[in-house]
């Protein structure tokens, strides 16, 4: 019996997104360990001082008048980077487990996607509460991650799982199985 295409699509997406999130988190962690973060505000202030009044006015019209980050913002970002690495690892592992086609695979995917959505919502509210415009702008980007998680969750929740149940052994195979995906 052939594996339904949604299993491959969701599994590969989860592996890819988990891998990219993990690499991004590792890069952010490495940068946070350097003096980059301590010199960030000085560099921003220097750039702002070198801007023309038109450039400053353009930033202000976009609501980006305060591009600096407080020590609290940097600490919050560091905490969420570490937690994000855990979520990325879960995402990556859930994709692999889904492709392994075990009975418990869907439960792992459900738990991972729910955890990722919850993490992203908490991260959004933590970033949106910041006084820094640049951190608030970053909070808006989080909605893209939530959208991807919700789409994957909806696919897994509402796709026909009859074929899946035969593959994982939850049902015994009838003589004429439904939805065989034969060409």
C-alpha atoms as a PDB file:
ATOM      1  CA  UNK A   1       0.000   0.000   0.000  1.00  0.00           C
ATOM      2  CA  UNK A   2       1.374   3.404  -0.992  1.00  0.00           C
ATOM      3  CA  UNK A   3       1.960   6.219   1.425  1.00  0.00           C
ATOM      4  CA  UNK A   4      -0.357   9.223   0.953  1.00  0.00           C
ATOM      5  CA  UNK A   5       1.430  12.273  -0.491  1.00  0.00           C
ATOM      6  CA  UNK A   6       0.520  14.493   2.480  1.00  0.00           C
ATOM      7  CA  UNK A   7       2.807  12.386   4.692  1.00  0.00           C
ATOM      8  CA  UNK A   8       5.820  13.224   2.537  1.00  0.00           C
ATOM      9  CA  UNK A   9       4.853  16.884   2.110  1.00  0.00           C
ATOM     10  CA  UNK A  10       4.271  17.521   5.824  1.00  0.00           C
ATOM     11  CA  UNK A  11       7.256  15.393   6.909  1.00  0.00           C
ATOM     12  CA  UNK A  12       9.709  17.070   4.547  1.00  0.00           C
ATOM     13  CA  UNK A  13       8.362  20.544   5.412  1.00  0.00           C
ATOM     14  CA  UNK A  14       8.804  19.842   9.115  1.00  0.00           C
ATOM     15  CA  UNK A  15      12.353  18.563   8.597  1.00  0.00           C
ATOM     16  CA  UNK A  16      13.236  21.590   6.448  1.00  0.00           C
ATOM     17  CA  UNK A  17      11.645  24.176   8.760  1.00  0.00           C
ATOM     18  CA  UNK A  18      13.102  22.506  11.851  1.00  0.00           C
ATOM     19  CA  UNK A  19      16.550  22.413  10.269  1.00  0.00           C
ATOM     20  CA  UNK A  20      16.395  26.053   9.176  1.00  0.00           C
ATOM     21  CA  UNK A  21      15.112  27.121  12.596  1.00  0.00           C
ATOM     22  CA  UNK A  22      17.873  25.171  14.290  1.00  0.00           C
ATOM     23  CA  UNK A  23      20.588  26.726  12.120  1.00  0.00           C
ATOM     24  CA  UNK A  24      19.138  30.183  12.685  1.00  0.00           C
ATOM     25  CA  UNK A  25      19.015  29.578  16.434  1.00  0.00           C
ATOM     26  CA  UNK A  26      22.593  28.312  16.526  1.00  0.00           C
ATOM     27  CA  UNK A  27      23.762  31.340  14.551  1.00  0.00           C
ATOM     28  CA  UNK A  28      21.870  33.696  16.872  1.00  0.00           C
ATOM     29  CA  UNK A  29      23.322  31.938  19.914  1.00  0.00           C
ATOM     30  CA  UNK A  30      26.842  32.272  18.533  1.00  0.00           C
ATOM     31  CA  UNK A  31      26.316  35.978  17.810  1.00  0.00           C
ATOM     32  CA  UNK A  32      24.887  36.570  21.284  1.00  0.00           C
ATOM     33  CA  UNK A  33      28.033  35.078  22.813  1.00  0.00           C
ATOM     34  CA  UNK A  34      30.199  37.703  21.098  1.00  0.00           C
ATOM     35  CA  UNK A  35      30.521  41.406  21.813  1.00  0.00           C
ATOM     36  CA  UNK A  36      28.097  42.098  18.975  1.00  0.00           C
ATOM     37  CA  UNK A  37      25.144  42.505  21.285  1.00  0.00           C
ATOM     38  CA  UNK A  38      26.971  44.776  23.697  1.00  0.00           C
ATOM     39  CA  UNK A  39      28.020  47.050  20.835  1.00  0.00           C
ATOM     40  CA  UNK A  40      24.668  46.893  19.047  1.00  0.00           C
ATOM     41  CA  UNK A  41      23.178  50.016  20.621  1.00  0.00           C
ATOM     42  CA  UNK A  42      26.392  52.001  20.060  1.00  0.00           C
ATOM     43  CA  UNK A  43      26.423  51.034  16.394  1.00  0.00           C
ATOM     44  CA  UNK A  44      22.737  51.946  15.979  1.00  0.00           C
ATOM     45  CA  UNK A  45      23.273  55.315  17.691  1.00  0.00           C
ATOM     46  CA  UNK A  46      26.247  56.030  15.418  1.00  0.00           C
ATOM     47  CA  UNK A  47      24.223  55.173  12.301  1.00  0.00           C
ATOM     48  CA  UNK A  48      21.292  57.312  13.468  1.00  0.00           C
ATOM     49  CA  UNK A  49      23.653  60.260  14.051  1.00  0.00           C
ATOM     50  CA  UNK A  50      24.988  59.906  10.493  1.00  0.00           C
ATOM     51  CA  UNK A  51      21.504  59.906   8.923  1.00  0.00           C
ATOM     52  CA  UNK A  52      20.042  62.921   7.214  1.00  0.00           C
ATOM     53  CA  UNK A  53      16.906  64.482   8.644  1.00  0.00           C
ATOM     54  CA  UNK A  54      14.888  63.049   5.730  1.00  0.00           C
ATOM     55  CA  UNK A  55      16.100  59.529   6.528  1.00  0.00           C
ATOM     56  CA  UNK A  56      15.268  60.002  10.205  1.00  0.00           C
ATOM     57  CA  UNK A  57      11.841  61.342   9.301  1.00  0.00           C
ATOM     58  CA  UNK A  58      11.228  58.338   7.022  1.00  0.00           C
ATOM     59  CA  UNK A  59      12.076  55.946   9.858  1.00  0.00           C
ATOM     60  CA  UNK A  60       9.817  57.852  12.247  1.00  0.00           C
ATOM     61  CA  UNK A  61       6.938  57.712   9.753  1.00  0.00           C
ATOM     62  CA  UNK A  62       7.314  53.917   9.750  1.00  0.00           C
ATOM     63  CA  UNK A  63       7.276  53.876  13.543  1.00  0.00           C
ATOM     64  CA  UNK A  64      10.942  52.907  13.705  1.00  0.00           C
ATOM     65  CA  UNK A  65      12.217  55.866  15.683  1.00  0.00           C
ATOM     66  CA  UNK A  66      13.817  53.728  18.417  1.00  0.00           C
ATOM     67  CA  UNK A  67      16.044  51.039  16.931  1.00  0.00           C
ATOM     68  CA  UNK A  68      18.032  50.402  20.102  1.00  0.00           C
ATOM     69  CA  UNK A  69      17.459  47.421  22.377  1.00  0.00           C
ATOM     70  CA  UNK A  70      17.504  47.467  26.168  1.00  0.00           C
ATOM     71  CA  UNK A  71      19.433  44.887  28.163  1.00  0.00           C
ATOM     72  CA  UNK A  72      16.049  43.349  29.009  1.00  0.00           C
ATOM     73  CA  UNK A  73      15.231  43.055  25.285  1.00  0.00           C
ATOM     74  CA  UNK A  74      18.569  41.353  24.648  1.00  0.00           C
ATOM     75  CA  UNK A  75      17.986  38.948  27.565  1.00  0.00           C
ATOM     76  CA  UNK A  76      14.463  38.145  26.332  1.00  0.00           C
ATOM     77  CA  UNK A  77      15.790  37.518  22.845  1.00  0.00           C
ATOM     78  CA  UNK A  78      18.498  35.227  24.233  1.00  0.00           C
ATOM     79  CA  UNK A  79      15.945  33.232  26.241  1.00  0.00           C
ATOM     80  CA  UNK A  80      13.641  32.791  23.257  1.00  0.00           C
ATOM     81  CA  UNK A  81      16.583  31.793  21.070  1.00  0.00           C
ATOM     82  CA  UNK A  82      17.368  28.924  23.441  1.00  0.00           C
ATOM     83  CA  UNK A  83      13.735  27.832  23.632  1.00  0.00           C
ATOM     84  CA  UNK A  84      13.441  28.177  19.860  1.00  0.00           C
ATOM     85  CA  UNK A  85      16.288  25.697  19.440  1.00  0.00           C
ATOM     86  CA  UNK A  86      14.280  23.152  21.437  1.00  0.00           C
ATOM     87  CA  UNK A  87      11.174  23.772  19.293  1.00  0.00           C
ATOM     88  CA  UNK A  88      13.265  23.470  16.110  1.00  0.00           C
ATOM     89  CA  UNK A  89      14.686  20.157  17.290  1.00  0.00           C
ATOM     90  CA  UNK A  90      11.164  18.918  18.068  1.00  0.00           C
ATOM     91  CA  UNK A  91      10.011  20.058  14.614  1.00  0.00           C
ATOM     92  CA  UNK A  92      12.897  18.257  12.898  1.00  0.00           C
ATOM     93  CA  UNK A  93      12.360  15.065  14.909  1.00  0.00           C
ATOM     94  CA  UNK A  94       8.584  15.114  14.319  1.00  0.00           C
ATOM     95  CA  UNK A  95       9.164  15.282  10.564  1.00  0.00           C
ATOM     96  CA  UNK A  96      11.467  12.263  10.708  1.00  0.00           C
ATOM     97  CA  UNK A  97       9.066  10.344  12.948  1.00  0.00           C
ATOM     98  CA  UNK A  98       6.183  11.098  10.564  1.00  0.00           C
ATOM     99  CA  UNK A  99       8.190   9.719   7.638  1.00  0.00           C
ATOM    100  CA  UNK A 100       8.930   6.591   9.692  1.00  0.00           C
ATOM    101  CA  UNK A 101       5.163   5.908   9.645  1.00  0.00           C
ATOM    102  CA  UNK A 102       4.623   4.692  13.208  1.00  0.00           C
ATOM    103  CA  UNK A 103       1.279   4.577  15.037  1.00  0.00           C
ATOM    104  CA  UNK A 104       2.375   7.374  17.361  1.00  0.00           C
ATOM    105  CA  UNK A 105       3.732   9.617  14.569  1.00  0.00           C
ATOM    106  CA  UNK A 106       0.621  11.752  14.236  1.00  0.00           C
ATOM    107  CA  UNK A 107       0.484  12.352  17.989  1.00  0.00           C
ATOM    108  CA  UNK A 108       4.087  13.565  17.917  1.00  0.00           C
ATOM    109  CA  UNK A 109       3.265  15.913  15.021  1.00  0.00           C
ATOM    110  CA  UNK A 110       0.165  17.267  16.818  1.00  0.00           C
ATOM    111  CA  UNK A 111       2.128  17.897  20.014  1.00  0.00           C
ATOM    112  CA  UNK A 112       5.016  19.536  18.163  1.00  0.00           C
ATOM    113  CA  UNK A 113       2.810  21.851  16.111  1.00  0.00           C
ATOM    114  CA  UNK A 114       0.752  22.810  19.173  1.00  0.00           C
ATOM    115  CA  UNK A 115       3.948  23.505  21.159  1.00  0.00           C
ATOM    116  CA  UNK A 116       5.333  25.596  18.304  1.00  0.00           C
ATOM    117  CA  UNK A 117       2.132  27.646  18.046  1.00  0.00           C
ATOM    118  CA  UNK A 118       2.062  28.205  21.812  1.00  0.00           C
ATOM    119  CA  UNK A 119       5.758  29.168  21.833  1.00  0.00           C
ATOM    120  CA  UNK A 120       5.257  31.628  18.973  1.00  0.00           C
ATOM    121  CA  UNK A 121       2.231  33.279  20.589  1.00  0.00           C
ATOM    122  CA  UNK A 122       4.103  33.715  23.894  1.00  0.00           C
ATOM    123  CA  UNK A 123       7.128  35.054  22.015  1.00  0.00           C
ATOM    124  CA  UNK A 124       4.918  37.500  20.120  1.00  0.00           C
ATOM    125  CA  UNK A 125       3.432  38.962  23.307  1.00  0.00           C
ATOM    126  CA  UNK A 126       6.854  39.179  24.960  1.00  0.00           C
ATOM    127  CA  UNK A 127       8.317  41.041  21.974  1.00  0.00           C
ATOM    128  CA  UNK A 128       5.247  43.235  21.424  1.00  0.00           C
ATOM    129  CA  UNK A 129       5.538  44.489  25.021  1.00  0.00           C
ATOM    130  CA  UNK A 130       8.982  45.943  24.303  1.00  0.00           C
ATOM    131  CA  UNK A 131       9.579  49.685  24.062  1.00  0.00           C
ATOM    132  CA  UNK A 132      11.948  49.172  21.118  1.00  0.00           C
ATOM    133  CA  UNK A 133      10.486  49.637  17.628  1.00  0.00           C
ATOM    134  CA  UNK A 134      12.881  47.080  16.137  1.00  0.00           C
ATOM    135  CA  UNK A 135      11.770  44.427  18.626  1.00  0.00           C
ATOM    136  CA  UNK A 136       8.110  45.222  17.930  1.00  0.00           C
ATOM    137  CA  UNK A 137       8.812  44.863  14.201  1.00  0.00           C
ATOM    138  CA  UNK A 138      10.331  41.446  14.920  1.00  0.00           C
ATOM    139  CA  UNK A 139       7.157  40.533  16.792  1.00  0.00           C
ATOM    140  CA  UNK A 140       5.135  41.069  13.626  1.00  0.00           C
ATOM    141  CA  UNK A 141       7.310  38.566  11.752  1.00  0.00           C
ATOM    142  CA  UNK A 142       6.329  35.873  14.261  1.00  0.00           C
ATOM    143  CA  UNK A 143       2.841  35.746  12.735  1.00  0.00           C
ATOM    144  CA  UNK A 144       4.379  34.164   9.618  1.00  0.00           C
ATOM    145  CA  UNK A 145       5.652  31.265  11.718  1.00  0.00           C
ATOM    146  CA  UNK A 146       2.278  30.893  13.389  1.00  0.00           C
ATOM    147  CA  UNK A 147       0.610  30.799   9.960  1.00  0.00           C
ATOM    148  CA  UNK A 148       2.903  27.988   8.762  1.00  0.00           C
ATOM    149  CA  UNK A 149       2.252  25.986  11.934  1.00  0.00           C
ATOM    150  CA  UNK A 150      -1.506  26.428  11.640  1.00  0.00           C
ATOM    151  CA  UNK A 151      -1.511  25.402   7.958  1.00  0.00           C
ATOM    152  CA  UNK A 152       0.497  22.247   8.689  1.00  0.00           C
ATOM    153  CA  UNK A 153      -1.732  21.447  11.671  1.00  0.00           C
ATOM    154  CA  UNK A 154      -4.889  21.880   9.590  1.00  0.00           C
ATOM    155  CA  UNK A 155      -3.510  19.623   6.860  1.00  0.00           C
ATOM    156  CA  UNK A 156      -2.670  16.897   9.352  1.00  0.00           C
ATOM    157  CA  UNK A 157      -5.977  17.269  11.193  1.00  0.00           C
ATOM    158  CA  UNK A 158      -8.314  17.268   8.220  1.00  0.00           C
ATOM    159  CA  UNK A 159      -6.671  15.056   5.592  1.00  0.00           C
ATOM    160  CA  UNK A 160      -8.177  11.602   4.994  1.00  0.00           C
ATOM    161  CA  UNK A 161      -6.249   9.257   7.293  1.00  0.00           C
ATOM    162  CA  UNK A 162      -7.806   5.990   6.093  1.00  0.00           C
ATOM    163  CA  UNK A 163      -4.711   5.099   4.067  1.00  0.00           C
ATOM    164  CA  UNK A 164      -2.477   6.140   6.982  1.00  0.00           C
ATOM    165  CA  UNK A 165      -4.264   3.759   9.367  1.00  0.00           C
ATOM    166  CA  UNK A 166      -3.635   0.822   7.043  1.00  0.00           C
ATOM    167  CA  UNK A 167       0.047   1.714   6.667  1.00  0.00           C
ATOM    168  CA  UNK A 168       0.619   2.012  10.412  1.00  0.00           C
ATOM    169  CA  UNK A 169      -1.262  -1.191  11.137  1.00  0.00           C
ATOM    170  CA  UNK A 170      -4.187   0.383  12.960  1.00  0.00           C
ATOM    171  CA  UNK A 171      -6.502  -1.296  10.431  1.00  0.00           C
ATOM    172  CA  UNK A 172      -5.980  -4.603   8.716  1.00  0.00           C
ATOM    173  CA  UNK A 173      -5.776  -4.372   4.973  1.00  0.00           C
ATOM    174  CA  UNK A 174      -9.006  -5.265   3.157  1.00  0.00           C
ATOM    175  CA  UNK A 175      -9.030  -6.944  -0.231  1.00  0.00           C
ATOM    176  CA  UNK A 176      -9.964  -3.662  -1.947  1.00  0.00           C
ATOM    177  CA  UNK A 177      -8.337  -0.888   0.133  1.00  0.00           C
ATOM    178  CA  UNK A 178      -9.703   2.636  -0.317  1.00  0.00           C
ATOM    179  CA  UNK A 179      -7.588   5.391  -1.867  1.00  0.00           C
ATOM    180  CA  UNK A 180      -4.661   3.309  -3.087  1.00  0.00           C
ATOM    181  CA  UNK A 181      -3.078   6.163  -5.060  1.00  0.00           C
ATOM    182  CA  UNK A 182      -2.230   3.833  -7.930  1.00  0.00           C
ATOM    183  CA  UNK A 183      -1.383   5.498 -11.202  1.00  0.00           C
END
